[in-house]
Amino acid sequence: MRQLQQQADSHLSAATLARLRQGRQQVGSRTSGAPSRRAGWLLATACSAVLAVALGLQFSNSSPPTPPAPAPTIADQSEDDTTLLFDESPELYLWLGSDTLAME
C-alpha cells in the first residue's frame, strides 16, 4: 500500500500537491473553530432547560379541574304520582322482601 501511495504521489503535479496541502491546512483551521460549535451546543442545551422549567411551572401552577356538577337526585326532581305511590306503600317493600316473591 505504501509503495502504491508513493508511486501515485510521484505522478502528481506540483499544483495538485499544493492544492492538497492547502486543503489539509483548511481542515486543520476548522478544528480550531470547535469552541464556536461548543458554544452552540451550550446555547441549545440552555434553551432546552429553560423551556423544560417553563413547562413544568406552567403545569404545576395550573388550577385543579373543577369537579362535575352532581347528578340531580330523586328529591330534586318534581315528584309525580308514581313516586308518591311507592313512598306511601310500605306493603310493597314488605312484599319485595318476603320469601313469597322468591317462590313465584
PDB file of N, CA and C in Angstrom:
ATOM      1  N   MET A   1       0.826  -1.182   0.000  1.00  0.00           N
ATOM      2  CA  MET A   1       0.000   0.000   0.000  1.00  0.00           C
ATOM      3  C   MET A   1       0.873   1.251   0.000  1.00  0.00           C
ATOM      4  N   ARG A   2       1.901   1.222   0.854  1.00  0.00           N
ATOM      5  CA  ARG A   2       2.755   2.411   0.931  1.00  0.00           C
ATOM      6  C   ARG A   2       3.480   2.644  -0.385  1.00  0.00           C
ATOM      7  N   GLN A   3       3.916   1.560  -1.008  1.00  0.00           N
ATOM      8  CA  GLN A   3       4.611   1.706  -2.290  1.00  0.00           C
ATOM      9  C   GLN A   3       3.669   2.278  -3.339  1.00  0.00           C
ATOM     10  N   LEU A   4       2.428   1.831  -3.349  1.00  0.00           N
ATOM     11  CA  LEU A   4       1.455   2.364  -4.307  1.00  0.00           C
ATOM     12  C   LEU A   4       1.194   3.841  -4.057  1.00  0.00           C
ATOM     13  N   GLN A   5       1.109   4.239  -2.791  1.00  0.00           N
ATOM     14  CA  GLN A   5       0.888   5.646  -2.482  1.00  0.00           C
ATOM     15  C   GLN A   5       2.083   6.487  -2.904  1.00  0.00           C
ATOM     16  N   GLN A   6       3.295   6.020  -2.648  1.00  0.00           N
ATOM     17  CA  GLN A   6       4.492   6.766  -3.058  1.00  0.00           C
ATOM     18  C   GLN A   6       4.558   6.877  -4.570  1.00  0.00           C
ATOM     19  N   GLN A   7       4.162   5.798  -5.232  1.00  0.00           N
ATOM     20  CA  GLN A   7       4.174   5.812  -6.691  1.00  0.00           C
ATOM     21  C   GLN A   7       3.139   6.811  -7.200  1.00  0.00           C
ATOM     22  N   ALA A   8       1.948   6.854  -6.586  1.00  0.00           N
ATOM     23  CA  ALA A   8       0.911   7.792  -7.008  1.00  0.00           C
ATOM     24  C   ALA A   8       1.329   9.225  -6.699  1.00  0.00           C
ATOM     25  N   ASP A   9       1.993   9.445  -5.564  1.00  0.00           N
ATOM     26  CA  ASP A   9       2.463  10.784  -5.213  1.00  0.00           C
ATOM     27  C   ASP A   9       3.521  11.278  -6.189  1.00  0.00           C
ATOM     28  N   SER A  10       4.321  10.391  -6.691  1.00  0.00           N
ATOM     29  CA  SER A  10       5.378  10.801  -7.627  1.00  0.00           C
ATOM     30  C   SER A  10       4.790  11.222  -8.970  1.00  0.00           C
ATOM     31  N   HIS A  11       3.623  10.755  -9.320  1.00  0.00           N
ATOM     32  CA  HIS A  11       2.993  11.111 -10.593  1.00  0.00           C
ATOM     33  C   HIS A  11       2.124  12.359 -10.498  1.00  0.00           C
ATOM     34  N   LEU A  12       1.924  12.896  -9.306  1.00  0.00           N
ATOM     35  CA  LEU A  12       1.095  14.100  -9.138  1.00  0.00           C
ATOM     36  C   LEU A  12       1.894  15.340  -9.506  1.00  0.00           C
ATOM     37  N   SER A  13       1.194  16.312 -10.045  1.00  0.00           N
ATOM     38  CA  SER A  13       1.861  17.568 -10.397  1.00  0.00           C
ATOM     39  C   SER A  13       2.052  18.411  -9.143  1.00  0.00           C
ATOM     40  N   ALA A  14       2.898  19.395  -9.250  1.00  0.00           N
ATOM     41  CA  ALA A  14       3.183  20.286  -8.122  1.00  0.00           C
ATOM     42  C   ALA A  14       1.953  21.100  -7.754  1.00  0.00           C
ATOM     43  N   ALA A  15       1.151  21.488  -8.734  1.00  0.00           N
ATOM     44  CA  ALA A  15      -0.066  22.273  -8.470  1.00  0.00           C
ATOM     45  C   ALA A  15      -1.072  21.444  -7.666  1.00  0.00           C
ATOM     46  N   THR A  16      -1.217  20.156  -8.012  1.00  0.00           N
ATOM     47  CA  THR A  16      -2.151  19.292  -7.291  1.00  0.00           C
ATOM     48  C   THR A  16      -1.679  19.072  -5.861  1.00  0.00           C
ATOM     49  N   LEU A  17      -0.387  18.863  -5.670  1.00  0.00           N
ATOM     50  CA  LEU A  17       0.161  18.706  -4.325  1.00  0.00           C
ATOM     51  C   LEU A  17      -0.051  19.964  -3.493  1.00  0.00           C
ATOM     52  N   ALA A  18       0.092  21.142  -4.127  1.00  0.00           N
ATOM     53  CA  ALA A  18      -0.121  22.408  -3.409  1.00  0.00           C
ATOM     54  C   ALA A  18      -1.580  22.532  -2.981  1.00  0.00           C
ATOM     55  N   ARG A  19      -2.509  22.125  -3.876  1.00  0.00           N
ATOM     56  CA  ARG A  19      -3.928  22.189  -3.505  1.00  0.00           C
ATOM     57  C   ARG A  19      -4.255  21.213  -2.362  1.00  0.00           C
ATOM     58  N   LEU A  20      -3.638  20.041  -2.380  1.00  0.00           N
ATOM     59  CA  LEU A  20      -3.858  19.080  -1.300  1.00  0.00           C
ATOM     60  C   LEU A  20      -3.350  19.610   0.033  1.00  0.00           C
ATOM     61  N   ARG A  21      -2.173  20.248   0.011  1.00  0.00           N
ATOM     62  CA  ARG A  21      -1.635  20.829   1.249  1.00  0.00           C
ATOM     63  C   ARG A  21      -2.545  21.944   1.761  1.00  0.00           C
ATOM     64  N   GLN A  22      -3.001  22.747   0.814  1.00  0.00           N
ATOM     65  CA  GLN A  22      -3.892  23.850   1.199  1.00  0.00           C
ATOM     66  C   GLN A  22      -5.187  23.295   1.801  1.00  0.00           C
ATOM     67  N   GLY A  23      -5.727  22.235   1.237  1.00  0.00           N
ATOM     68  CA  GLY A  23      -6.940  21.607   1.772  1.00  0.00           C
ATOM     69  C   GLY A  23      -6.710  21.066   3.173  1.00  0.00           C
ATOM     70  N   ARG A  24      -5.544  20.459   3.411  1.00  0.00           N
ATOM     71  CA  ARG A  24      -5.238  19.945   4.752  1.00  0.00           C
ATOM     72  C   ARG A  24      -5.147  21.082   5.761  1.00  0.00           C
ATOM     73  N   GLN A  25      -4.574  22.204   5.337  1.00  0.00           N
ATOM     74  CA  GLN A  25      -4.453  23.346   6.242  1.00  0.00           C
ATOM     75  C   GLN A  25      -5.835  23.918   6.582  1.00  0.00           C
ATOM     76  N   GLN A  26      -6.726  23.939   5.594  1.00  0.00           N
ATOM     77  CA  GLN A  26      -8.078  24.452   5.860  1.00  0.00           C
ATOM     78  C   GLN A  26      -8.827  23.540   6.826  1.00  0.00           C
ATOM     79  N   VAL A  27      -8.639  22.241   6.679  1.00  0.00           N
ATOM     80  CA  VAL A  27      -9.284  21.312   7.610  1.00  0.00           C
ATOM     81  C   VAL A  27      -8.708  21.505   9.003  1.00  0.00           C
ATOM     82  N   GLY A  28      -7.427  21.712   9.103  1.00  0.00           N
ATOM     83  CA  GLY A  28      -6.803  21.958  10.402  1.00  0.00           C
ATOM     84  C   GLY A  28      -7.306  23.224  11.042  1.00  0.00           C
ATOM     85  N   SER A  29      -7.571  24.254  10.247  1.00  0.00           N
ATOM     86  CA  SER A  29      -8.072  25.509  10.816  1.00  0.00           C
ATOM     87  C   SER A  29      -9.533  25.380  11.250  1.00  0.00           C
ATOM     88  N   ARG A  30     -10.286  24.468  10.634  1.00  0.00           N
ATOM     89  CA  ARG A  30     -11.681  24.259  11.049  1.00  0.00           C
ATOM     90  C   ARG A  30     -11.766  23.633  12.423  1.00  0.00           C
ATOM     91  N   THR A  31     -10.813  22.785  12.763  1.00  0.00           N
ATOM     92  CA  THR A  31     -10.854  22.164  14.085  1.00  0.00           C
ATOM     93  C   THR A  31     -10.587  23.184  15.180  1.00  0.00           C
ATOM     94  N   SER A  32      -9.905  24.261  14.834  1.00  0.00           N
ATOM     95  CA  SER A  32      -9.713  25.308  15.841  1.00  0.00           C
ATOM     96  C   SER A  32     -11.006  26.074  16.074  1.00  0.00           C
ATOM     97  N   GLY A  33     -11.999  25.927  15.194  1.00  0.00           N
ATOM     98  CA  GLY A  33     -13.306  26.559  15.369  1.00  0.00           C
ATOM     99  C   GLY A  33     -14.219  25.755  16.272  1.00  0.00           C
ATOM    100  N   ALA A  34     -13.720  24.724  16.912  1.00  0.00           N
ATOM    101  CA  ALA A  34     -14.528  23.870  17.779  1.00  0.00           C
ATOM    102  C   ALA A  34     -15.174  24.628  18.939  1.00  0.00           C
ATOM    103  N   PRO A  35     -14.531  25.624  19.535  1.00  0.00           N
ATOM    104  CA  PRO A  35     -15.224  26.333  20.623  1.00  0.00           C
ATOM    105  C   PRO A  35     -16.527  26.987  20.181  1.00  0.00           C
ATOM    106  N   SER A  36     -16.608  27.440  18.924  1.00  0.00           N
ATOM    107  CA  SER A  36     -17.865  28.034  18.471  1.00  0.00           C
ATOM    108  C   SER A  36     -18.950  26.966  18.383  1.00  0.00           C
ATOM    109  N   ARG A  37     -18.588  25.761  17.987  1.00  0.00           N
ATOM    110  CA  ARG A  37     -19.557  24.668  17.973  1.00  0.00           C
ATOM    111  C   ARG A  37     -19.964  24.316  19.403  1.00  0.00           C
ATOM    112  N   ARG A  38     -19.004  24.332  20.282  1.00  0.00           N
ATOM    113  CA  ARG A  38     -19.283  24.024  21.679  1.00  0.00           C
ATOM    114  C   ARG A  38     -20.239  25.070  22.254  1.00  0.00           C
ATOM    115  N   ALA A  39     -20.046  26.318  21.866  1.00  0.00           N
ATOM    116  CA  ALA A  39     -20.940  27.371  22.355  1.00  0.00           C
ATOM    117  C   ALA A  39     -22.356  27.171  21.815  1.00  0.00           C
ATOM    118  N   GLY A  40     -22.460  26.706  20.578  1.00  0.00           N
ATOM    119  CA  GLY A  40     -23.782  26.435  20.009  1.00  0.00           C
ATOM    120  C   GLY A  40     -24.510  25.335  20.763  1.00  0.00           C
ATOM    121  N   TRP A  41     -23.786  24.270  21.096  1.00  0.00           N
ATOM    122  CA  TRP A  41     -24.389  23.188  21.860  1.00  0.00           C
ATOM    123  C   TRP A  41     -24.774  23.654  23.256  1.00  0.00           C
ATOM    124  N   LEU A  42     -23.936  24.485  23.823  1.00  0.00           N
ATOM    125  CA  LEU A  42     -24.238  25.011  25.154  1.00  0.00           C
ATOM    126  C   LEU A  42     -25.511  25.856  25.121  1.00  0.00           C
ATOM    127  N   LEU A  43     -25.638  26.691  24.090  1.00  0.00           N
ATOM    128  CA  LEU A  43     -26.822  27.537  23.952  1.00  0.00           C
ATOM    129  C   LEU A  43     -28.073  26.685  23.742  1.00  0.00           C
ATOM    130  N   ALA A  44     -27.973  25.657  22.912  1.00  0.00           N
ATOM    131  CA  ALA A  44     -29.126  24.789  22.662  1.00  0.00           C
ATOM    132  C   ALA A  44     -29.542  24.053  23.936  1.00  0.00           C
ATOM    133  N   THR A  45     -28.576  23.601  24.706  1.00  0.00           N
ATOM    134  CA  THR A  45     -28.880  22.901  25.954  1.00  0.00           C
ATOM    135  C   THR A  45     -29.533  23.843  26.958  1.00  0.00           C
ATOM    136  N   ALA A  46     -29.030  25.059  27.041  1.00  0.00           N
ATOM    137  CA  ALA A  46     -29.601  26.033  27.976  1.00  0.00           C
ATOM    138  C   ALA A  46     -31.037  26.381  27.585  1.00  0.00           C
ATOM    139  N   CYS A  47     -31.287  26.548  26.291  1.00  0.00           N
ATOM    140  CA  CYS A  47     -32.654  26.864  25.842  1.00  0.00           C
ATOM    141  C   CYS A  47     -33.600  25.710  26.151  1.00  0.00           C
ATOM    142  N   SER A  48     -33.134  24.490  25.959  1.00  0.00           N
ATOM    143  CA  SER A  48     -33.972  23.328  26.271  1.00  0.00           C
ATOM    144  C   SER A  48     -34.289  23.273  27.758  1.00  0.00           C
ATOM    145  N   ALA A  49     -33.310  23.561  28.589  1.00  0.00           N
ATOM    146  CA  ALA A  49     -33.532  23.538  30.033  1.00  0.00           C
ATOM    147  C   ALA A  49     -34.531  24.612  30.455  1.00  0.00           C
ATOM    148  N   VAL A  50     -34.409  25.795  29.889  1.00  0.00           N
ATOM    149  CA  VAL A  50     -35.341  26.884  30.220  1.00  0.00           C
ATOM    150  C   VAL A  50     -36.754  26.522  29.788  1.00  0.00           C
ATOM    151  N   LEU A  51     -36.891  25.934  28.619  1.00  0.00           N
ATOM    152  CA  LEU A  51     -38.205  25.522  28.141  1.00  0.00           C
ATOM    153  C   LEU A  51     -38.813  24.451  29.043  1.00  0.00           C
ATOM    154  N   ALA A  52     -38.000  23.501  29.473  1.00  0.00           N
ATOM    155  CA  ALA A  52     -38.495  22.446  30.363  1.00  0.00           C
ATOM    156  C   ALA A  52     -38.954  23.022  31.701  1.00  0.00           C
ATOM    157  N   VAL A  53     -38.207  23.952  32.240  1.00  0.00           N
ATOM    158  CA  VAL A  53     -38.595  24.577  33.514  1.00  0.00           C
ATOM    159  C   VAL A  53     -39.876  25.385  33.345  1.00  0.00           C
ATOM    160  N   ALA A  54     -40.000  26.103  32.230  1.00  0.00           N
ATOM    161  CA  ALA A  54     -41.202  26.907  31.997  1.00  0.00           C
ATOM    162  C   ALA A  54     -42.435  26.016  31.883  1.00  0.00           C
ATOM    163  N   LEU A  55     -42.315  24.905  31.166  1.00  0.00           N
ATOM    164  CA  LEU A  55     -43.454  23.994  31.055  1.00  0.00           C
ATOM    165  C   LEU A  55     -43.790  23.359  32.401  1.00  0.00           C
ATOM    166  N   GLY A  56     -42.773  23.011  33.171  1.00  0.00           N
ATOM    167  CA  GLY A  56     -43.014  22.443  34.488  1.00  0.00           C
ATOM    168  C   GLY A  56     -43.737  23.411  35.397  1.00  0.00           C
ATOM    169  N   LEU A  57     -43.343  24.662  35.356  1.00  0.00           N
ATOM    170  CA  LEU A  57     -44.010  25.671  36.188  1.00  0.00           C
ATOM    171  C   LEU A  57     -45.439  25.911  35.731  1.00  0.00           C
ATOM    172  N   GLN A  58     -45.644  25.878  34.423  1.00  0.00           N
ATOM    173  CA  GLN A  58     -46.988  26.095  33.915  1.00  0.00           C
ATOM    174  C   GLN A  58     -47.921  24.979  34.370  1.00  0.00           C
ATOM    175  N   PHE A  59     -47.449  23.739  34.331  1.00  0.00           N
ATOM    176  CA  PHE A  59     -48.299  22.635  34.742  1.00  0.00           C
ATOM    177  C   PHE A  59     -48.490  22.599  36.258  1.00  0.00           C
ATOM    178  N   SER A  60     -47.500  23.021  37.015  1.00  0.00           N
ATOM    179  CA  SER A  60     -47.650  22.990  38.464  1.00  0.00           C
ATOM    180  C   SER A  60     -48.539  24.128  38.971  1.00  0.00           C
ATOM    181  N   ASN A  61     -48.616  25.227  38.260  1.00  0.00           N
ATOM    182  CA  ASN A  61     -49.437  26.356  38.688  1.00  0.00           C
ATOM    183  C   ASN A  61     -50.852  26.301  38.146  1.00  0.00           C
ATOM    184  N   SER A  62     -51.142  25.342  37.294  1.00  0.00           N
ATOM    185  CA  SER A  62     -52.487  25.292  36.725  1.00  0.00           C
ATOM    186  C   SER A  62     -53.484  24.915  37.813  1.00  0.00           C
ATOM    187  N   SER A  63     -54.667  25.487  37.728  1.00  0.00           N
ATOM    188  CA  SER A  63     -55.691  25.234  38.745  1.00  0.00           C
ATOM    189  C   SER A  63     -56.219  23.815  38.568  1.00  0.00           C
ATOM    190  N   PRO A  64     -56.613  23.185  39.661  1.00  0.00           N
ATOM    191  CA  PRO A  64     -57.134  21.812  39.550  1.00  0.00           C
ATOM    192  C   PRO A  64     -58.451  21.829  38.791  1.00  0.00           C
ATOM    193  N   PRO A  65     -58.757  20.761  38.114  1.00  0.00           N
ATOM    194  CA  PRO A  65     -60.013  20.737  37.356  1.00  0.00           C
ATOM    195  C   PRO A  65     -61.211  20.801  38.290  1.00  0.00           C
ATOM    196  N   THR A  66     -62.215  21.491  37.854  1.00  0.00           N
ATOM    197  CA  THR A  66     -63.421  21.609  38.672  1.00  0.00           C
ATOM    198  C   THR A  66     -64.191  20.295  38.598  1.00  0.00           C
ATOM    199  N   PRO A  67     -64.713  19.831  39.713  1.00  0.00           N
ATOM    200  CA  PRO A  67     -65.462  18.569  39.683  1.00  0.00           C
ATOM    201  C   PRO A  67     -66.767  18.757  38.917  1.00  0.00           C
ATOM    202  N   PRO A  68     -67.251  17.700  38.312  1.00  0.00           N
ATOM    203  CA  PRO A  68     -68.507  17.836  37.563  1.00  0.00           C
ATOM    204  C   PRO A  68     -69.674  18.108  38.501  1.00  0.00           C
ATOM    205  N   ALA A  69     -70.678  18.720  37.962  1.00  0.00           N
ATOM    206  CA  ALA A  69     -71.869  19.036  38.759  1.00  0.00           C
ATOM    207  C   ALA A  69     -72.536  17.732  39.187  1.00  0.00           C
ATOM    208  N   PRO A  70     -73.001  17.653  40.420  1.00  0.00           N
ATOM    209  CA  PRO A  70     -73.626  16.408  40.870  1.00  0.00           C
ATOM    210  C   PRO A  70     -74.918  16.135  40.104  1.00  0.00           C
ATOM    211  N   ALA A  71     -75.182  14.866  39.917  1.00  0.00           N
ATOM    212  CA  ALA A  71     -76.410  14.476  39.210  1.00  0.00           C
ATOM    213  C   ALA A  71     -77.613  14.794  40.091  1.00  0.00           C
ATOM    214  N   PRO A  72     -78.685  15.202  39.484  1.00  0.00           N
ATOM    215  CA  PRO A  72     -79.874  15.514  40.290  1.00  0.00           C
ATOM    216  C   PRO A  72     -80.433  14.239  40.932  1.00  0.00           C
ATOM    217  N   THR A  73     -80.839  14.362  42.173  1.00  0.00           N
ATOM    218  CA  THR A  73     -81.405  13.224  42.893  1.00  0.00           C
ATOM    219  C   THR A  73     -82.912  13.176  42.696  1.00  0.00           C
ATOM    220  N   ILE A  74     -83.504  12.116  43.187  1.00  0.00           N
ATOM    221  CA  ILE A  74     -84.955  11.976  43.038  1.00  0.00           C
ATOM    222  C   ILE A  74     -85.675  13.079  43.794  1.00  0.00           C
ATOM    223  N   ALA A  75     -85.116  13.494  44.912  1.00  0.00           N
ATOM    224  CA  ALA A  75     -85.769  14.545  45.695  1.00  0.00           C
ATOM    225  C   ALA A  75     -85.726  15.879  44.954  1.00  0.00           C
ATOM    226  N   ASP A  76     -84.707  16.077  44.121  1.00  0.00           N
ATOM    227  CA  ASP A  76     -84.616  17.325  43.375  1.00  0.00           C
ATOM    228  C   ASP A  76     -85.607  17.370  42.217  1.00  0.00           C
ATOM    229  N   GLN A  77     -85.983  16.218  41.700  1.00  0.00           N
ATOM    230  CA  GLN A  77     -86.903  16.183  40.573  1.00  0.00           C
ATOM    231  C   GLN A  77     -88.322  16.426  41.060  1.00  0.00           C
ATOM    232  N   SER A  78     -89.143  16.849  40.133  1.00  0.00           N
ATOM    233  CA  SER A  78     -90.543  17.062  40.528  1.00  0.00           C
ATOM    234  C   SER A  78     -91.193  15.704  40.785  1.00  0.00           C
ATOM    235  N   GLU A  79     -91.888  15.594  41.872  1.00  0.00           N
ATOM    236  CA  GLU A  79     -92.489  14.323  42.256  1.00  0.00           C
ATOM    237  C   GLU A  79     -93.800  14.127  41.508  1.00  0.00           C
ATOM    238  N   ASP A  80     -93.920  12.965  40.883  1.00  0.00           N
ATOM    239  CA  ASP A  80     -95.194  12.654  40.225  1.00  0.00           C
ATOM    240  C   ASP A  80     -95.930  11.601  41.049  1.00  0.00           C
ATOM    241  N   ASP A  81     -97.052  11.104  40.540  1.00  0.00           N
ATOM    242  CA  ASP A  81     -97.895  10.192  41.307  1.00  0.00           C
ATOM    243  C   ASP A  81     -97.227   8.858  41.582  1.00  0.00           C
ATOM    244  N   THR A  82     -96.417   8.348  40.649  1.00  0.00           N
ATOM    245  CA  THR A  82     -95.811   7.031  40.866  1.00  0.00           C
ATOM    246  C   THR A  82     -94.772   7.091  41.973  1.00  0.00           C
ATOM    247  N   THR A  83     -94.047   8.169  42.066  1.00  0.00           N
ATOM    248  CA  THR A  83     -93.064   8.297  43.139  1.00  0.00           C
ATOM    249  C   THR A  83     -93.765   8.366  44.483  1.00  0.00           C
ATOM    250  N   LEU A  84     -94.855   9.097  44.537  1.00  0.00           N
ATOM    251  CA  LEU A  84     -95.615   9.180  45.784  1.00  0.00           C
ATOM    252  C   LEU A  84     -96.236   7.842  46.159  1.00  0.00           C
ATOM    253  N   LEU A  85     -96.659   7.061  45.160  1.00  0.00           N
ATOM    254  CA  LEU A  85     -97.270   5.772  45.414  1.00  0.00           C
ATOM    255  C   LEU A  85     -96.266   4.826  46.065  1.00  0.00           C
ATOM    256  N   PHE A  86     -95.042   4.815  45.559  1.00  0.00           N
ATOM    257  CA  PHE A  86     -94.044   3.924  46.142  1.00  0.00           C
ATOM    258  C   PHE A  86     -93.614   4.397  47.533  1.00  0.00           C
ATOM    259  N   ASP A  87     -93.570   5.674  47.728  1.00  0.00           N
ATOM    260  CA  ASP A  87     -93.171   6.186  49.033  1.00  0.00           C
ATOM    261  C   ASP A  87     -94.242   5.913  50.086  1.00  0.00           C
ATOM    262  N   GLU A  88     -95.521   5.894  49.695  1.00  0.00           N
ATOM    263  CA  GLU A  88     -96.597   5.760  50.659  1.00  0.00           C
ATOM    264  C   GLU A  88     -97.022   4.315  50.885  1.00  0.00           C
ATOM    265  N   SER A  89     -96.475   3.370  50.157  1.00  0.00           N
ATOM    266  CA  SER A  89     -96.929   1.987  50.275  1.00  0.00           C
ATOM    267  C   SER A  89     -95.831   1.113  50.878  1.00  0.00           C
ATOM    268  N   PRO A  90     -95.819   0.954  52.216  1.00  0.00           N
ATOM    269  CA  PRO A  90     -94.809   0.090  52.825  1.00  0.00           C
ATOM    270  C   PRO A  90     -95.053  -1.382  52.536  1.00  0.00           C
ATOM    271  N   GLU A  91     -96.307  -1.756  52.175  1.00  0.00           N
ATOM    272  CA  GLU A  91     -96.592  -3.156  51.860  1.00  0.00           C
ATOM    273  C   GLU A  91     -95.786  -3.626  50.644  1.00  0.00           C
ATOM    274  N   LEU A  92     -95.569  -2.726  49.717  1.00  0.00           N
ATOM    275  CA  LEU A  92     -94.791  -3.094  48.524  1.00  0.00           C
ATOM    276  C   LEU A  92     -93.385  -3.530  48.932  1.00  0.00           C
ATOM    277  N   TYR A  93     -92.786  -2.809  49.835  1.00  0.00           N
ATOM    278  CA  TYR A  93     -91.425  -3.145  50.265  1.00  0.00           C
ATOM    279  C   TYR A  93     -91.431  -4.438  51.081  1.00  0.00           C
ATOM    280  N   LEU A  94     -92.460  -4.668  51.863  1.00  0.00           N
ATOM    281  CA  LEU A  94     -92.572  -5.924  52.601  1.00  0.00           C
ATOM    282  C   LEU A  94     -92.733  -7.097  51.642  1.00  0.00           C
ATOM    283  N   TRP A  95     -93.538  -6.889  50.596  1.00  0.00           N
ATOM    284  CA  TRP A  95     -93.760  -7.946  49.618  1.00  0.00           C
ATOM    285  C   TRP A  95     -92.483  -8.230  48.840  1.00  0.00           C
ATOM    286  N   LEU A  96     -91.727  -7.193  48.511  1.00  0.00           N
ATOM    287  CA  LEU A  96     -90.469  -7.394  47.777  1.00  0.00           C
ATOM    288  C   LEU A  96     -89.443  -8.139  48.623  1.00  0.00           C
ATOM    289  N   GLY A  97     -89.459  -7.912  49.915  1.00  0.00           N
ATOM    290  CA  GLY A  97     -88.514  -8.578  50.804  1.00  0.00           C
ATOM    291  C   GLY A  97     -88.963  -9.926  51.302  1.00  0.00           C
ATOM    292  N   SER A  98     -90.174 -10.331  50.978  1.00  0.00           N
ATOM    293  CA  SER A  98     -90.686 -11.590  51.520  1.00  0.00           C
ATOM    294  C   SER A  98     -90.208 -12.777  50.686  1.00  0.00           C
ATOM    295  N   ASP A  99     -90.374 -13.982  51.260  1.00  0.00           N
ATOM    296  CA  ASP A  99     -89.977 -15.201  50.593  1.00  0.00           C
ATOM    297  C   ASP A  99     -91.008 -15.625  49.537  1.00  0.00           C
ATOM    298  N   THR A 100     -92.217 -15.109  49.592  1.00  0.00           N
ATOM    299  CA  THR A 100     -93.229 -15.491  48.618  1.00  0.00           C
ATOM    300  C   THR A 100     -92.857 -15.017  47.229  1.00  0.00           C
ATOM    301  N   LEU A 101     -92.149 -13.959  47.129  1.00  0.00           N
ATOM    302  CA  LEU A 101     -91.706 -13.472  45.811  1.00  0.00           C
ATOM    303  C   LEU A 101     -90.706 -14.448  45.211  1.00  0.00           C
ATOM    304  N   ALA A 102     -89.874 -15.016  46.029  1.00  0.00           N
ATOM    305  CA  ALA A 102     -88.898 -15.984  45.547  1.00  0.00           C
ATOM    306  C   ALA A 102     -89.580 -17.257  45.079  1.00  0.00           C
ATOM    307  N   MET A 103     -90.748 -17.606  45.673  1.00  0.00           N
ATOM    308  CA  MET A 103     -91.481 -18.814  45.269  1.00  0.00           C
ATOM    309  C   MET A 103     -92.166 -18.618  43.939  1.00  0.00           C
ATOM    310  N   GLU A 104     -92.526 -17.438  43.559  1.00  0.00           N
ATOM    311  CA  GLU A 104     -93.286 -17.197  42.334  1.00  0.00           C
ATOM    312  C   GLU A 104     -92.433 -17.257  41.107  1.00  0.00           C
TER     313      GLU A 104
END
